């Protein structure tokens, strides 16, 4: 079983996975997001990535465009999308290539994220951030 990583009972109440070696995701446009790589691109044959993401309350990713598909499964808490949508525990979100967005969490959440190809940082256009998120997004850009 050396090639298999098993994380048992990820749907338990109070999901936290504190025993994992979370790493701060330090990148322009990101604040407070921790990640735990399940697998990452190797630069030669593999472009996909599988991550557990932990958003403490108020954390956010950068605004970006997907060059491939992205699947996000909310394991705990509430994940907020720049289009004004929010997703809760058990919601599965699949976004197509070309999708542009920013993810955040006002209250905190843990997410399984799988990307088939990398994402590229972008600046949001006026119609890409919902009015309900516009003030928050503008504050993040300062």
Protein backbone atom coordinates (compact mmCIF):
# COMPACT_ATOMS: atom_id res chain seq x y z
CA UNK A 1 0.00 0.00 0.00
CA UNK A 2 2.97 2.38 -0.28
CA UNK A 3 1.46 4.05 -3.39
CA UNK A 4 -1.89 4.64 -1.69
CA UNK A 5 -2.71 7.41 0.76
CA UNK A 6 -5.84 6.88 2.82
CA UNK A 7 -7.44 9.61 4.90
CA UNK A 8 -10.20 7.91 6.84
CA UNK A 9 -13.61 9.32 7.69
CA UNK A 10 -13.36 12.71 5.96
CA UNK A 11 -17.11 13.26 6.36
CA UNK A 12 -17.13 13.02 10.14
CA UNK A 13 -18.77 15.85 12.06
CA UNK A 14 -16.31 18.64 12.83
CA UNK A 15 -14.02 17.84 9.90
CA UNK A 16 -10.56 19.29 10.58
CA UNK A 17 -7.78 16.83 9.69
CA UNK A 18 -5.42 18.56 12.10
CA UNK A 19 -3.01 15.63 11.84
CA UNK A 20 -2.12 16.58 8.25
CA UNK A 21 0.92 18.72 7.46
CA UNK A 22 -0.99 21.71 6.06
CA UNK A 23 1.09 24.24 4.12
CA UNK A 24 0.24 27.94 3.77
CA UNK A 25 -0.56 28.74 0.14
CA UNK A 26 1.68 31.77 -0.36
CA UNK A 27 0.91 33.33 -3.72
CA UNK A 28 -0.13 36.82 -4.85
CA UNK A 29 -3.85 37.36 -4.32
CA UNK A 30 -4.24 34.58 -1.72
CA UNK A 31 -4.70 35.22 1.97
CA UNK A 32 -4.97 32.62 4.71
CA UNK A 33 -5.57 29.51 2.58
CA UNK A 34 -3.80 26.33 3.64
CA UNK A 35 -3.43 23.33 1.38
CA UNK A 36 -2.46 19.70 1.63
CA UNK A 37 -1.34 18.27 -1.73
CA UNK A 38 -2.69 14.82 -2.54
CA UNK A 39 -0.79 14.92 -5.83
CA UNK A 40 0.76 17.71 -7.87
CA UNK A 41 1.95 18.27 -11.43
CA UNK A 42 5.33 16.72 -12.10
CA UNK A 43 6.24 19.10 -14.92
CA UNK A 44 6.55 16.35 -17.51
CA UNK A 45 3.52 14.08 -17.80
CA UNK A 46 1.06 15.22 -15.15
CA UNK A 47 -0.80 18.56 -15.25
CA UNK A 48 -3.56 17.66 -12.81
CA UNK A 49 -3.53 18.42 -9.12
CA UNK A 50 -5.51 17.11 -6.16
CA UNK A 51 -5.59 19.20 -3.00
CA UNK A 52 -7.34 19.52 0.28
CA UNK A 53 -7.89 23.23 0.91
CA UNK A 54 -8.58 24.81 4.28
CA UNK A 55 -10.06 28.31 4.33
CA UNK A 56 -10.17 29.84 7.82
CA UNK A 57 -12.87 32.51 8.22
CA UNK A 58 -12.04 35.43 5.91
CA UNK A 59 -9.50 33.53 3.77
CA UNK A 60 -9.58 33.83 -0.01
CA UNK A 61 -7.84 32.57 -3.11
CA UNK A 62 -6.73 34.67 -6.03
CA UNK A 63 -8.95 35.58 -8.98
CA UNK A 64 -8.03 33.12 -11.73
CA UNK A 65 -9.08 31.36 -14.93
CA UNK A 66 -9.19 27.61 -15.27
CA UNK A 67 -7.30 26.11 -18.19
CA UNK A 68 -8.98 22.74 -17.52
CA UNK A 69 -11.81 21.38 -15.40
CA UNK A 70 -11.99 21.94 -11.66
CA UNK A 71 -13.99 19.83 -9.22
CA UNK A 72 -14.61 21.13 -5.71
CA UNK A 73 -16.32 19.07 -3.01
CA UNK A 74 -17.14 21.04 0.15
CA UNK A 75 -16.26 18.78 3.07
CA UNK A 76 -17.14 21.23 5.84
CA UNK A 77 -18.28 24.84 6.23
CA UNK A 78 -19.28 27.28 3.49
CA UNK A 79 -17.31 28.12 0.33
CA UNK A 80 -18.15 31.47 -1.30
CA UNK A 81 -17.84 32.08 -5.06
CA UNK A 82 -17.16 35.51 -6.57
CA UNK A 83 -20.40 35.21 -8.60
CA UNK A 84 -22.35 35.47 -5.33
CA UNK A 85 -23.04 31.74 -4.91
CA UNK A 86 -22.23 29.88 -1.72
CA UNK A 87 -21.70 26.14 -1.36
CA UNK A 88 -22.05 24.06 1.81
CA UNK A 89 -20.93 20.67 3.10
CA UNK A 90 -21.75 18.01 0.54
CA UNK A 91 -22.01 20.37 -2.46
CA UNK A 92 -20.03 19.25 -5.50
CA UNK A 93 -19.06 22.03 -7.91
CA UNK A 94 -17.62 21.28 -11.36
CA UNK A 95 -16.34 24.22 -13.41
CA UNK A 96 -15.40 24.05 -17.07
CA UNK A 97 -12.23 25.32 -18.76
CA UNK A 98 -12.40 29.09 -19.17
CA UNK A 99 -14.23 29.61 -15.88
CA UNK A 100 -12.98 32.74 -14.12
CA UNK A 101 -13.54 33.22 -10.41
CA UNK A 102 -12.28 33.78 -6.91
CA UNK A 103 -13.15 31.49 -4.01
CA UNK A 104 -13.30 32.60 -0.40
CA UNK A 105 -14.98 31.70 2.87
CA UNK A 106 -16.50 34.21 5.25
CA UNK A 107 -17.02 31.54 7.92
CA UNK A 108 -14.35 28.93 7.08
CA UNK A 109 -14.44 25.67 5.13
CA UNK A 110 -12.51 22.61 3.98
CA UNK A 111 -12.65 21.57 0.33
CA UNK A 112 -11.37 18.75 -1.86
CA UNK A 113 -10.19 20.40 -5.10
CA UNK A 114 -9.15 18.56 -8.26
CA UNK A 115 -7.91 20.40 -11.34
CA UNK A 116 -7.21 18.66 -14.64
CA UNK A 117 -4.92 21.52 -15.73
CA UNK A 118 -3.43 24.56 -13.98
CA UNK A 119 -5.21 27.84 -13.37
CA UNK A 120 -3.83 31.22 -14.45
CA UNK A 121 -4.08 34.42 -12.38
CA UNK A 122 -6.38 37.05 -13.89
CA UNK A 123 -7.82 40.45 -13.03
CA UNK A 124 -11.57 40.41 -12.55
CA UNK A 125 -13.70 42.23 -15.10
CA UNK A 126 -16.59 44.33 -13.83
CA UNK A 127 -19.28 41.70 -14.49
CA UNK A 128 -17.33 38.78 -12.96
CA UNK A 129 -17.77 39.72 -9.31
CA UNK A 130 -21.29 39.80 -7.90
CA UNK A 131 -22.46 43.03 -6.29
CA UNK A 132 -22.61 41.17 -2.96
CA UNK A 133 -18.87 40.40 -3.23
CA UNK A 134 -17.66 43.58 -4.99
CA UNK A 135 -16.70 45.49 -1.82
CA UNK A 136 -14.82 42.50 -0.40
CA UNK A 137 -12.99 41.90 -3.69
CA UNK A 138 -12.02 45.59 -3.98
CA UNK A 139 -10.63 45.58 -0.42
CA UNK A 140 -8.50 42.51 -1.26
CA UNK A 141 -6.93 44.31 -4.21
CA UNK A 142 -5.65 47.19 -2.07
